[in-house]
Amino acid sequence: MSTACLCIHGYTGSPKELEPLVEILKERTSWEISTPTLPGHGETLDLRGHYYQEWIAAVELALLDLQKRHETVLIIGFSMGGMIASYLAAKHQVSRLVLLSAALKYISFSQIVKDTLGMATDAYKGTLASNAIFSRYQKKIKHTYFFSNIEFMKCIEFTKPYLMKVSCPTLIIQGELDGIVPSKAANFLEKEISSSDKEVVFLPQSKHLVCHDEDQDIVFDKVLQFVGDL
């Protein structure tokens, strides 16, 4: 029985957000792994004129394509991609669902304050350029079309009702220091998802990009354990 994995990145992101995990899966499995780039996304953002329906349709087509060739398909979704992954898992036959920093709730103001103070301190010291958070997000902020943020919110609101229809085994992983998605979002996900087989893992040293952060080995191990019998 052949297996495939669909990996969905987040808003304003690219497949690189999931790249470390994808590389581990390529090393440890013989699966076909699909990492589509959402319309308007990628290393160079061009979001103007793109709508959330396109983002969902693009990955749904990728899922249907995988299902033509494989009996078993699992989905891994990061941030907004996690909410789209939940929608697809509710609508189609999916064997496993992995949600990384899924954006059911978004913007953790308490963590943003801490991150902002850290950037302000580095700016005062003249070391802002070496601040990892500043370096990672300054380009995105400059090149994100304002009205695309509304499409992001529409995407979350559209996919949210489908959580209660997710019945496949689900793994939820959330960084406790996430400044984009509040850590309590993982608890809301666990409550809303109807599957009787679900697990929540909190990462004490991780922010939003859990595949690239301090606890990435925990992410890899948990995901491999979760999909080990496929």
C-alpha atoms as a PDB file:
ATOM      1  CA  MET A   1       0.000   0.000   0.000  1.00  0.00           C
ATOM      2  CA  SER A   2       1.537   3.300  -1.106  1.00  0.00           C
ATOM      3  CA  THR A   3       1.506   6.458   0.987  1.00  0.00           C
ATOM      4  CA  ALA A   4       1.699  10.157   0.174  1.00  0.00           C
ATOM      5  CA  CYS A   5       1.981  13.279   2.312  1.00  0.00           C
ATOM      6  CA  LEU A   6       0.635  16.734   1.473  1.00  0.00           C
ATOM      7  CA  CYS A   7       2.431  19.586   3.274  1.00  0.00           C
ATOM      8  CA  ILE A   8       0.741  22.993   3.378  1.00  0.00           C
ATOM      9  CA  HIS A   9       2.653  26.127   4.375  1.00  0.00           C
ATOM     10  CA  GLY A  10       1.273  29.242   6.055  1.00  0.00           C
ATOM     11  CA  TYR A  11       0.121  32.717   5.103  1.00  0.00           C
ATOM     12  CA  THR A  12       2.844  34.842   3.426  1.00  0.00           C
ATOM     13  CA  GLY A  13       5.096  31.785   3.655  1.00  0.00           C
ATOM     14  CA  SER A  14       6.514  29.098   1.418  1.00  0.00           C
ATOM     15  CA  PRO A  15       7.332  25.368   1.576  1.00  0.00           C
ATOM     16  CA  LYS A  16      10.573  26.350   3.361  1.00  0.00           C
ATOM     17  CA  GLU A  17       8.536  26.730   6.559  1.00  0.00           C
ATOM     18  CA  LEU A  18       8.142  22.943   6.598  1.00  0.00           C
ATOM     19  CA  GLU A  19      11.416  22.059   4.867  1.00  0.00           C
ATOM     20  CA  PRO A  20      13.313  20.545   7.846  1.00  0.00           C
ATOM     21  CA  LEU A  21      10.419  18.180   8.595  1.00  0.00           C
ATOM     22  CA  VAL A  22       9.990  17.335   4.911  1.00  0.00           C
ATOM     23  CA  GLU A  23      13.676  16.418   4.679  1.00  0.00           C
ATOM     24  CA  ILE A  24      13.335  14.078   7.671  1.00  0.00           C
ATOM     25  CA  LEU A  25      10.296  12.413   6.111  1.00  0.00           C
ATOM     26  CA  LYS A  26      12.152  11.951   2.833  1.00  0.00           C
ATOM     27  CA  GLU A  27      15.021  10.293   4.683  1.00  0.00           C
ATOM     28  CA  ARG A  28      12.849   8.006   6.817  1.00  0.00           C
ATOM     29  CA  THR A  29      10.031   7.054   4.424  1.00  0.00           C
ATOM     30  CA  SER A  30       9.407   6.102   0.807  1.00  0.00           C
ATOM     31  CA  TRP A  31       6.382   8.394   0.546  1.00  0.00           C
ATOM     32  CA  GLU A  32       5.596  10.788  -2.248  1.00  0.00           C
ATOM     33  CA  ILE A  33       5.650  14.207  -0.606  1.00  0.00           C
ATOM     34  CA  SER A  34       3.875  17.169  -2.172  1.00  0.00           C
ATOM     35  CA  THR A  35       4.750  20.718  -1.052  1.00  0.00           C
ATOM     36  CA  PRO A  36       2.702  23.103  -3.215  1.00  0.00           C
ATOM     37  CA  THR A  37       3.142  26.860  -3.015  1.00  0.00           C
ATOM     38  CA  LEU A  38      -0.096  28.760  -2.453  1.00  0.00           C
ATOM     39  CA  PRO A  39      -0.977  31.277  -5.204  1.00  0.00           C
ATOM     40  CA  GLY A  40       0.774  34.607  -4.610  1.00  0.00           C
ATOM     41  CA  HIS A  41       3.063  33.088  -1.990  1.00  0.00           C
ATOM     42  CA  GLY A  42       6.645  31.854  -2.062  1.00  0.00           C
ATOM     43  CA  GLU A  43      10.016  33.480  -1.577  1.00  0.00           C
ATOM     44  CA  THR A  44       8.768  36.491  -3.556  1.00  0.00           C
ATOM     45  CA  LEU A  45       5.312  37.578  -2.394  1.00  0.00           C
ATOM     46  CA  ASP A  46       2.772  38.757  -4.974  1.00  0.00           C
ATOM     47  CA  LEU A  47      -0.503  38.551  -3.029  1.00  0.00           C
ATOM     48  CA  ARG A  48      -2.420  41.338  -4.771  1.00  0.00           C
ATOM     49  CA  GLY A  49      -5.377  39.871  -6.688  1.00  0.00           C
ATOM     50  CA  HIS A  50      -5.285  36.491  -4.949  1.00  0.00           C
ATOM     51  CA  TYR A  51      -8.089  35.252  -2.734  1.00  0.00           C
ATOM     52  CA  TYR A  52      -8.398  32.627  -0.021  1.00  0.00           C
ATOM     53  CA  GLN A  53     -10.573  30.441  -2.254  1.00  0.00           C
ATOM     54  CA  GLU A  54      -7.595  30.096  -4.616  1.00  0.00           C
ATOM     55  CA  TRP A  55      -5.325  29.040  -1.754  1.00  0.00           C
ATOM     56  CA  ILE A  56      -7.742  26.316  -0.709  1.00  0.00           C
ATOM     57  CA  ALA A  57      -8.418  25.175  -4.285  1.00  0.00           C
ATOM     58  CA  ALA A  58      -4.704  24.850  -5.063  1.00  0.00           C
ATOM     59  CA  VAL A  59      -4.007  22.429  -2.220  1.00  0.00           C
ATOM     60  CA  GLU A  60      -7.299  20.578  -2.715  1.00  0.00           C
ATOM     61  CA  LEU A  61      -6.262  19.848  -6.292  1.00  0.00           C
ATOM     62  CA  ALA A  62      -2.861  18.659  -4.991  1.00  0.00           C
ATOM     63  CA  LEU A  63      -4.640  16.327  -2.549  1.00  0.00           C
ATOM     64  CA  LEU A  64      -6.930  14.889  -5.237  1.00  0.00           C
ATOM     65  CA  ASP A  65      -3.896  14.319  -7.449  1.00  0.00           C
ATOM     66  CA  LEU A  66      -2.150  12.348  -4.684  1.00  0.00           C
ATOM     67  CA  GLN A  67      -5.276  10.310  -4.005  1.00  0.00           C
ATOM     68  CA  LYS A  68      -5.297   9.149  -7.631  1.00  0.00           C
ATOM     69  CA  ARG A  69      -1.959   7.378  -7.086  1.00  0.00           C
ATOM     70  CA  HIS A  70      -1.946   6.409  -3.397  1.00  0.00           C
ATOM     71  CA  GLU A  71      -4.235   4.462  -1.081  1.00  0.00           C
ATOM     72  CA  THR A  72      -3.038   6.360   1.986  1.00  0.00           C
ATOM     73  CA  VAL A  73      -2.651  10.138   2.182  1.00  0.00           C
ATOM     74  CA  LEU A  74      -1.850  12.218   5.233  1.00  0.00           C
ATOM     75  CA  ILE A  75      -1.765  16.003   5.530  1.00  0.00           C
ATOM     76  CA  ILE A  76       0.599  18.251   7.467  1.00  0.00           C
ATOM     77  CA  GLY A  77      -0.460  21.874   7.777  1.00  0.00           C
ATOM     78  CA  PHE A  78       1.432  24.809   9.256  1.00  0.00           C
ATOM     79  CA  SER A  79      -0.296  27.980  10.578  1.00  0.00           C
ATOM     80  CA  MET A  80      -3.018  28.970   8.075  1.00  0.00           C
ATOM     81  CA  GLY A  81      -2.060  25.804   6.222  1.00  0.00           C
ATOM     82  CA  GLY A  82      -3.165  23.885   9.303  1.00  0.00           C
ATOM     83  CA  MET A  83      -6.660  25.301   9.033  1.00  0.00           C
ATOM     84  CA  ILE A  84      -6.791  24.479   5.315  1.00  0.00           C
ATOM     85  CA  ALA A  85      -5.515  20.984   6.137  1.00  0.00           C
ATOM     86  CA  SER A  86      -8.341  20.552   8.654  1.00  0.00           C
ATOM     87  CA  TYR A  87     -10.877  21.588   6.027  1.00  0.00           C
ATOM     88  CA  LEU A  88      -9.471  19.031   3.579  1.00  0.00           C
ATOM     89  CA  ALA A  89      -9.396  16.293   6.236  1.00  0.00           C
ATOM     90  CA  ALA A  90     -13.063  16.960   6.992  1.00  0.00           C
ATOM     91  CA  LYS A  91     -14.043  16.887   3.336  1.00  0.00           C
ATOM     92  CA  HIS A  92     -11.894  14.030   1.995  1.00  0.00           C
ATOM     93  CA  GLN A  93     -10.657  10.626   3.121  1.00  0.00           C
ATOM     94  CA  VAL A  94      -7.408  11.338   4.963  1.00  0.00           C
ATOM     95  CA  SER A  95      -5.441   8.850   7.095  1.00  0.00           C
ATOM     96  CA  ARG A  96      -3.695  11.266   9.456  1.00  0.00           C
ATOM     97  CA  LEU A  97      -3.699  15.005  10.150  1.00  0.00           C
ATOM     98  CA  VAL A  98      -0.768  16.928  11.649  1.00  0.00           C
ATOM     99  CA  LEU A  99      -1.352  20.538  12.705  1.00  0.00           C
ATOM    100  CA  LEU A 100       1.694  22.729  13.401  1.00  0.00           C
ATOM    101  CA  SER A 101       1.004  26.161  14.940  1.00  0.00           C
ATOM    102  CA  ALA A 102      -2.450  26.012  13.349  1.00  0.00           C
ATOM    103  CA  ALA A 103      -4.006  29.488  13.206  1.00  0.00           C
ATOM    104  CA  LEU A 104      -7.428  28.844  14.738  1.00  0.00           C
ATOM    105  CA  LYS A 105      -6.656  31.844  16.938  1.00  0.00           C
ATOM    106  CA  TYR A 106      -4.041  34.371  15.848  1.00  0.00           C
ATOM    107  CA  ILE A 107      -1.820  37.081  17.287  1.00  0.00           C
ATOM    108  CA  SER A 108      -0.584  36.423  20.782  1.00  0.00           C
ATOM    109  CA  PHE A 109      -0.308  40.002  22.028  1.00  0.00           C
ATOM    110  CA  SER A 110       1.624  39.112  25.193  1.00  0.00           C
ATOM    111  CA  GLN A 111       4.345  37.396  23.184  1.00  0.00           C
ATOM    112  CA  ILE A 112       4.407  40.179  20.593  1.00  0.00           C
ATOM    113  CA  VAL A 113       5.084  42.657  23.415  1.00  0.00           C
ATOM    114  CA  LYS A 114       8.036  40.533  24.581  1.00  0.00           C
ATOM    115  CA  ASP A 115       9.368  40.189  21.027  1.00  0.00           C
ATOM    116  CA  THR A 116       8.941  43.919  20.383  1.00  0.00           C
ATOM    117  CA  LEU A 117      10.793  44.797  23.578  1.00  0.00           C
ATOM    118  CA  GLY A 118      13.567  42.437  22.509  1.00  0.00           C
ATOM    119  CA  MET A 119      13.811  44.162  19.126  1.00  0.00           C
ATOM    120  CA  ALA A 120      13.760  47.591  20.790  1.00  0.00           C
ATOM    121  CA  THR A 121      16.610  46.534  23.082  1.00  0.00           C
ATOM    122  CA  ASP A 122      18.635  45.257  20.140  1.00  0.00           C
ATOM    123  CA  ALA A 123      17.914  48.459  18.215  1.00  0.00           C
ATOM    124  CA  TYR A 124      19.190  50.502  21.183  1.00  0.00           C
ATOM    125  CA  LYS A 125      22.341  48.373  21.292  1.00  0.00           C
ATOM    126  CA  GLY A 126      22.791  48.686  17.544  1.00  0.00           C
ATOM    127  CA  THR A 127      22.397  44.932  17.020  1.00  0.00           C
ATOM    128  CA  LEU A 128      18.903  44.871  15.459  1.00  0.00           C
ATOM    129  CA  ALA A 129      20.211  43.360  12.228  1.00  0.00           C
ATOM    130  CA  SER A 130      21.199  40.237  14.146  1.00  0.00           C
ATOM    131  CA  ASN A 131      17.753  39.844  15.768  1.00  0.00           C
ATOM    132  CA  ALA A 132      16.275  36.656  14.272  1.00  0.00           C
ATOM    133  CA  ILE A 133      12.645  37.761  14.583  1.00  0.00           C
ATOM    134  CA  PHE A 134      13.296  41.153  12.974  1.00  0.00           C
ATOM    135  CA  SER A 135      15.249  39.578  10.111  1.00  0.00           C
ATOM    136  CA  ARG A 136      12.565  36.966   9.489  1.00  0.00           C
ATOM    137  CA  TYR A 137       9.537  39.253   9.387  1.00  0.00           C
ATOM    138  CA  GLN A 138      10.705  42.652   8.125  1.00  0.00           C
ATOM    139  CA  LYS A 139      10.642  41.519   4.481  1.00  0.00           C
ATOM    140  CA  LYS A 140       7.189  39.955   4.829  1.00  0.00           C
ATOM    141  CA  ILE A 141       5.755  43.094   6.425  1.00  0.00           C
ATOM    142  CA  LYS A 142       7.130  45.286   3.630  1.00  0.00           C
ATOM    143  CA  HIS A 143       5.806  43.090   0.818  1.00  0.00           C
ATOM    144  CA  THR A 144       2.424  41.942   2.160  1.00  0.00           C
ATOM    145  CA  TYR A 145      -0.538  43.518   0.365  1.00  0.00           C
ATOM    146  CA  PHE A 146      -2.779  44.964   3.097  1.00  0.00           C
ATOM    147  CA  PHE A 147      -6.074  43.537   1.837  1.00  0.00           C
ATOM    148  CA  SER A 148      -4.559  40.061   1.724  1.00  0.00           C
ATOM    149  CA  ASN A 149      -4.678  40.117   5.515  1.00  0.00           C
ATOM    150  CA  ILE A 150      -8.455  40.225   5.194  1.00  0.00           C
ATOM    151  CA  GLU A 151      -8.303  37.168   2.922  1.00  0.00           C
ATOM    152  CA  PHE A 152      -6.278  35.429   5.614  1.00  0.00           C
ATOM    153  CA  MET A 153      -8.961  36.143   8.203  1.00  0.00           C
ATOM    154  CA  LYS A 154     -11.677  35.010   5.785  1.00  0.00           C
ATOM    155  CA  CYS A 155      -9.795  31.758   5.267  1.00  0.00           C
ATOM    156  CA  ILE A 156      -9.689  31.083   9.006  1.00  0.00           C
ATOM    157  CA  GLU A 157     -13.383  31.859   9.447  1.00  0.00           C
ATOM    158  CA  PHE A 158     -14.349  29.681   6.461  1.00  0.00           C
ATOM    159  CA  THR A 159     -12.356  26.642   7.582  1.00  0.00           C
ATOM    160  CA  LYS A 160     -13.135  26.871  11.331  1.00  0.00           C
ATOM    161  CA  PRO A 161     -16.587  25.163  11.182  1.00  0.00           C
ATOM    162  CA  TYR A 162     -15.031  22.102   9.520  1.00  0.00           C
ATOM    163  CA  LEU A 163     -12.958  21.256  12.596  1.00  0.00           C
ATOM    164  CA  MET A 164     -15.919  19.445  14.136  1.00  0.00           C
ATOM    165  CA  LYS A 165     -16.071  17.202  11.061  1.00  0.00           C
ATOM    166  CA  VAL A 166     -12.450  16.004  11.349  1.00  0.00           C
ATOM    167  CA  SER A 167     -12.583  12.324  12.342  1.00  0.00           C
ATOM    168  CA  CYS A 168      -9.112  11.035  11.445  1.00  0.00           C
ATOM    169  CA  PRO A 169      -6.276  10.705  14.019  1.00  0.00           C
ATOM    170  CA  THR A 170      -4.866  14.182  14.640  1.00  0.00           C
ATOM    171  CA  LEU A 171      -1.596  15.454  16.109  1.00  0.00           C
ATOM    172  CA  ILE A 172      -1.531  19.084  17.282  1.00  0.00           C
ATOM    173  CA  ILE A 173       1.858  20.728  17.928  1.00  0.00           C
ATOM    174  CA  GLN A 174       2.163  24.242  19.319  1.00  0.00           C
ATOM    175  CA  GLY A 175       5.041  26.451  20.458  1.00  0.00           C
ATOM    176  CA  GLU A 176       4.473  27.994  23.874  1.00  0.00           C
ATOM    177  CA  LEU A 177       6.365  31.183  22.871  1.00  0.00           C
ATOM    178  CA  ASP A 178       4.448  31.688  19.616  1.00  0.00           C
ATOM    179  CA  GLY A 179       3.926  35.389  18.920  1.00  0.00           C
ATOM    180  CA  ILE A 180       1.540  34.792  16.003  1.00  0.00           C
ATOM    181  CA  VAL A 181      -0.764  32.045  17.298  1.00  0.00           C
ATOM    182  CA  PRO A 182      -1.530  32.010  21.050  1.00  0.00           C
ATOM    183  CA  SER A 183      -0.510  28.714  22.626  1.00  0.00           C
ATOM    184  CA  LYS A 184      -4.055  28.219  23.939  1.00  0.00           C
ATOM    185  CA  ALA A 185      -5.184  27.816  20.318  1.00  0.00           C
ATOM    186  CA  ALA A 186      -4.014  24.207  20.570  1.00  0.00           C
ATOM    187  CA  ASN A 187      -6.507  23.595  23.371  1.00  0.00           C
ATOM    188  CA  PHE A 188      -9.306  25.087  21.283  1.00  0.00           C
ATOM    189  CA  LEU A 189      -8.314  22.848  18.367  1.00  0.00           C
ATOM    190  CA  GLU A 190      -8.399  19.769  20.575  1.00  0.00           C
ATOM    191  CA  LYS A 191     -11.841  20.736  21.815  1.00  0.00           C
ATOM    192  CA  GLU A 192     -13.294  21.506  18.375  1.00  0.00           C
ATOM    193  CA  ILE A 193     -11.916  18.524  16.453  1.00  0.00           C
ATOM    194  CA  SER A 194     -14.304  15.589  16.782  1.00  0.00           C
ATOM    195  CA  SER A 195     -11.742  12.804  16.303  1.00  0.00           C
ATOM    196  CA  SER A 196     -11.482  10.462  19.281  1.00  0.00           C
ATOM    197  CA  ASP A 197      -7.786   9.944  18.493  1.00  0.00           C
ATOM    198  CA  LYS A 198      -5.957  13.231  19.041  1.00  0.00           C
ATOM    199  CA  GLU A 199      -2.873  14.432  20.872  1.00  0.00           C
ATOM    200  CA  VAL A 200      -1.601  17.889  21.808  1.00  0.00           C
ATOM    201  CA  VAL A 201       2.121  18.575  22.182  1.00  0.00           C
ATOM    202  CA  PHE A 202       3.411  21.878  23.568  1.00  0.00           C
ATOM    203  CA  LEU A 203       6.953  23.006  22.785  1.00  0.00           C
ATOM    204  CA  PRO A 204       8.381  25.044  25.692  1.00  0.00           C
ATOM    205  CA  GLN A 205      11.185  26.755  23.741  1.00  0.00           C
ATOM    206  CA  SER A 206       9.518  27.342  20.382  1.00  0.00           C
ATOM    207  CA  LYS A 207       7.875  30.319  18.710  1.00  0.00           C
ATOM    208  CA  HIS A 208       5.784  30.120  15.525  1.00  0.00           C
ATOM    209  CA  LEU A 209       8.142  28.404  13.072  1.00  0.00           C
ATOM    210  CA  VAL A 210       8.308  25.139  15.005  1.00  0.00           C
ATOM    211  CA  CYS A 211      10.153  23.221  12.278  1.00  0.00           C
ATOM    212  CA  HIS A 212      13.057  25.670  12.554  1.00  0.00           C
ATOM    213  CA  ASP A 213      13.069  26.379  16.289  1.00  0.00           C
ATOM    214  CA  GLU A 214      14.741  25.031  19.439  1.00  0.00           C
ATOM    215  CA  ASP A 215      12.379  22.073  19.832  1.00  0.00           C
ATOM    216  CA  GLN A 216      12.501  20.904  16.222  1.00  0.00           C
ATOM    217  CA  ASP A 217      13.795  17.455  17.210  1.00  0.00           C
ATOM    218  CA  ILE A 218      10.701  16.981  19.351  1.00  0.00           C
ATOM    219  CA  VAL A 219       8.561  17.917  16.338  1.00  0.00           C
ATOM    220  CA  PHE A 220      10.356  15.389  14.149  1.00  0.00           C
ATOM    221  CA  ASP A 221      10.128  12.605  16.734  1.00  0.00           C
ATOM    222  CA  LYS A 222       6.455  13.201  17.515  1.00  0.00           C
ATOM    223  CA  VAL A 223       5.463  13.286  13.852  1.00  0.00           C
ATOM    224  CA  LEU A 224       7.447  10.121  13.054  1.00  0.00           C
ATOM    225  CA  GLN A 225       5.852   8.314  15.990  1.00  0.00           C
ATOM    226  CA  PHE A 226       2.394   9.485  14.962  1.00  0.00           C
ATOM    227  CA  VAL A 227       2.703   8.221  11.380  1.00  0.00           C
ATOM    228  CA  GLY A 228       4.866   5.225  12.171  1.00  0.00           C
ATOM    229  CA  ASP A 229       2.318   2.568  11.238  1.00  0.00           C
ATOM    230  CA  LEU A 230       1.486   3.945   7.778  1.00  0.00           C
END
